[in-house]
Amino acid sequence: TYLNLPFDPVEPFPFPTRFCDACNELCLSCNGPNATDCSDCVFALRVDRCVGSCEDGEYVSAKRCLNCHEECDGCTGGSPQDCINCRNVKNFLSNGSRFECLASGSCPANTFENMINSTCDQCHPTCAECVGPESENCTICENPPGYTIIPPEGDDLGLFG
């Protein structure tokens, strides 16, 4: 509740009518009747007003609606590892059950962007960089020495030197 002190220009003091009034239902405490008058929110603050839920593309932290990471399609936090789904590419982390969302074209070393699944998939063990999962998809060979790129027959585009 808040103390409602209506202003009377004819007789400003003492206030002729004083009464306590309920805060907006979205407020825990307030200094007026609107969701913008809250000093503490029941759920969360979004920009300048208390809200009952955040919008799509936002998450709650310390009772504030904050934007998800730009690569997330829904999230539980602000990092690319807090995404519910990905806008572009999903990169599974070492344990295989957690993932992070990445921009297209930014899969880490030893992986390639699988355009069908929109995932970063492992290169063949002989590849340091690749465009597919097989040894013939290497664009840079992995060490140890002894591996080299063998250009395919009819390499008319000059992709392999």
Protein backbone atom coordinates (compact mmCIF):
# COMPACT_ATOMS: atom_id res chain seq x y z
CA THR A 1 0.00 0.00 0.00
CA TYR A 2 0.99 3.62 -0.40
CA LEU A 3 -0.21 6.83 1.21
CA ASN A 4 -2.42 8.63 -1.29
CA LEU A 5 -2.08 12.36 -0.67
CA PRO A 6 -4.24 14.22 -3.16
CA PHE A 7 -3.10 17.78 -3.83
CA ASP A 8 -5.65 20.48 -3.10
CA PRO A 9 -4.51 23.79 -4.64
CA VAL A 10 -6.95 25.75 -2.48
CA GLU A 11 -5.94 24.23 0.84
CA PRO A 12 -2.58 22.44 0.36
CA PHE A 13 -1.91 21.91 4.11
CA PRO A 14 -3.12 20.04 6.00
CA PHE A 15 -4.29 17.48 3.46
CA PRO A 16 -8.05 17.29 3.73
CA THR A 17 -8.16 13.64 2.64
CA ARG A 18 -5.48 11.07 3.29
CA PHE A 19 -5.92 7.38 2.73
CA CYS A 20 -3.87 4.27 2.02
CA ASP A 21 -4.41 2.70 -1.34
CA ALA A 22 -3.36 -0.66 -2.80
CA CYS A 23 -0.28 -0.91 -5.00
CA ASN A 24 -0.58 -2.27 -8.50
CA GLU A 25 -0.85 -6.09 -8.42
CA LEU A 26 2.61 -6.33 -10.06
CA CYS A 27 4.26 -4.40 -7.19
CA LEU A 28 5.53 -5.65 -3.85
CA SER A 29 5.94 -2.03 -2.71
CA CYS A 30 5.17 1.26 -4.41
CA ASN A 31 4.74 5.00 -4.23
CA GLY A 32 1.72 5.19 -6.51
CA PRO A 33 -1.02 3.11 -8.20
CA ASN A 34 0.69 2.20 -11.50
CA ALA A 35 3.13 -0.55 -12.50
CA THR A 36 5.65 2.26 -13.17
CA ASP A 37 5.34 3.40 -9.52
CA CYS A 38 6.73 0.19 -8.04
CA SER A 39 9.81 0.26 -5.85
CA ASP A 40 9.95 -3.57 -5.89
CA CYS A 41 8.31 -6.01 -8.29
CA VAL A 42 6.51 -9.29 -7.65
CA PHE A 43 8.09 -10.92 -10.75
CA ALA A 44 10.43 -8.61 -12.69
CA LEU A 45 11.17 -5.11 -13.91
CA ARG A 46 11.13 -4.61 -17.66
CA VAL A 47 12.58 -1.25 -18.74
CA ASP A 48 10.64 1.06 -16.37
CA ARG A 49 7.68 -1.01 -15.17
CA CYS A 50 6.93 -4.19 -13.29
CA VAL A 51 5.66 -7.06 -15.44
CA GLY A 52 4.17 -10.48 -14.77
CA SER A 53 6.44 -12.15 -17.36
CA CYS A 54 9.30 -11.25 -19.64
CA GLU A 55 8.89 -11.13 -23.41
CA ASP A 56 10.17 -13.74 -25.88
CA GLY A 57 13.92 -13.38 -26.19
CA GLU A 58 14.34 -12.33 -22.55
CA TYR A 59 15.17 -14.05 -19.26
CA VAL A 60 14.92 -12.99 -15.59
CA SER A 61 17.97 -12.17 -13.48
CA ALA A 62 17.74 -10.39 -10.13
CA LYS A 63 14.09 -9.49 -10.88
CA ARG A 64 15.00 -7.78 -14.18
CA CYS A 65 14.07 -8.85 -17.72
CA LEU A 66 17.29 -9.03 -19.74
CA ASN A 67 17.91 -9.90 -23.40
CA CYS A 68 19.01 -13.39 -24.40
CA HIS A 69 22.29 -13.81 -26.29
CA GLU A 70 21.83 -12.86 -29.96
CA GLU A 71 22.32 -16.47 -31.13
CA CYS A 72 19.60 -17.83 -28.82
CA ASP A 73 16.02 -18.60 -29.69
CA GLY A 74 14.76 -18.56 -26.10
CA CYS A 75 17.07 -18.83 -23.09
CA THR A 76 17.49 -19.27 -19.35
CA GLY A 77 20.48 -16.89 -19.06
CA GLY A 78 22.62 -14.46 -21.01
CA SER A 79 25.34 -16.68 -22.47
CA PRO A 80 25.28 -18.75 -25.69
CA GLN A 81 25.33 -21.84 -23.44
CA ASP A 82 22.02 -20.81 -21.82
CA CYS A 83 20.00 -21.07 -25.04
CA ILE A 84 16.92 -23.26 -25.31
CA ASN A 85 17.26 -23.38 -29.10
CA CYS A 86 19.67 -21.81 -31.58
CA ARG A 87 19.00 -19.30 -34.34
CA ASN A 88 21.92 -20.56 -36.44
CA VAL A 89 24.33 -23.34 -35.40
CA LYS A 90 24.36 -25.68 -32.39
CA ASN A 91 27.79 -26.74 -31.09
CA PHE A 92 27.64 -29.66 -28.65
CA LEU A 93 30.14 -29.34 -25.81
CA SER A 94 32.51 -32.09 -24.65
CA ASN A 95 29.95 -34.02 -22.59
CA GLY A 96 27.54 -34.17 -25.54
CA SER A 97 24.36 -33.17 -23.71
CA ARG A 98 25.05 -29.42 -23.30
CA PHE A 99 25.48 -27.10 -26.24
CA GLU A 100 26.21 -23.52 -27.17
CA CYS A 101 24.76 -21.51 -30.01
CA LEU A 102 27.10 -19.98 -32.57
CA ALA A 103 26.85 -17.71 -35.58
CA SER A 104 26.90 -19.44 -38.94
CA GLY A 105 30.47 -20.00 -40.11
CA SER A 106 31.99 -20.00 -36.61
CA CYS A 107 32.32 -23.69 -35.71
CA PRO A 108 35.48 -24.38 -33.67
CA ALA A 109 38.64 -26.10 -34.93
CA ASN A 110 38.32 -29.76 -35.91
CA THR A 111 34.61 -29.33 -36.70
CA PHE A 112 32.57 -28.31 -39.72
CA GLU A 113 29.14 -26.77 -40.10
CA ASN A 114 26.64 -29.47 -41.01
CA MET A 115 24.14 -27.52 -43.10
CA ILE A 116 21.48 -30.25 -42.84
CA ASN A 117 21.35 -30.39 -39.01
CA SER A 118 22.67 -26.85 -38.32
CA THR A 119 25.28 -28.37 -35.99
CA CYS A 120 29.07 -28.31 -35.68
CA ASP A 121 30.16 -31.89 -36.39
CA GLN A 122 33.59 -33.49 -35.85
CA CYS A 123 36.07 -33.69 -38.68
CA HIS A 124 37.78 -37.00 -39.46
CA PRO A 125 40.71 -37.57 -37.01
CA THR A 126 43.25 -36.96 -39.80
CA CYS A 127 41.85 -33.45 -40.44
CA ALA A 128 42.65 -30.21 -38.62
CA GLU A 129 40.04 -28.43 -40.72
CA CYS A 130 37.43 -29.92 -43.00
CA VAL A 131 34.21 -29.45 -44.94
CA GLY A 132 32.75 -32.86 -44.06
CA PRO A 133 33.19 -35.93 -41.84
CA GLU A 134 35.35 -38.10 -44.12
CA SER A 135 39.15 -38.09 -44.54
CA GLU A 136 38.71 -36.85 -48.11
CA ASN A 137 36.91 -33.76 -46.71
CA CYS A 138 40.10 -32.38 -45.09
CA THR A 139 41.15 -28.87 -46.06
CA ILE A 140 44.11 -28.92 -43.60
CA CYS A 141 45.69 -32.12 -42.33
CA GLU A 142 46.23 -32.84 -38.64
CA ASN A 143 49.73 -33.48 -37.34
CA PRO A 144 51.74 -35.75 -37.02
CA PRO A 145 53.69 -35.37 -40.24
CA GLY A 146 52.96 -37.87 -42.90
CA TYR A 147 49.52 -36.61 -43.88
CA THR A 148 49.02 -34.42 -46.89
CA ILE A 149 46.13 -33.20 -48.98
CA ILE A 150 45.75 -35.20 -52.15
CA PRO A 151 43.77 -33.13 -54.65
CA PRO A 152 40.86 -34.92 -56.29
CA GLU A 153 41.08 -35.74 -59.96
CA GLY A 154 39.75 -32.93 -62.11
CA ASP A 155 40.37 -30.17 -59.52
CA ASP A 156 39.33 -27.53 -62.01
CA LEU A 157 38.64 -24.93 -59.30
CA GLY A 158 42.17 -25.06 -57.89
CA LEU A 159 40.86 -25.62 -54.38
CA PHE A 160 43.73 -27.90 -53.47
CA GLY A 161 46.73 -25.97 -54.81
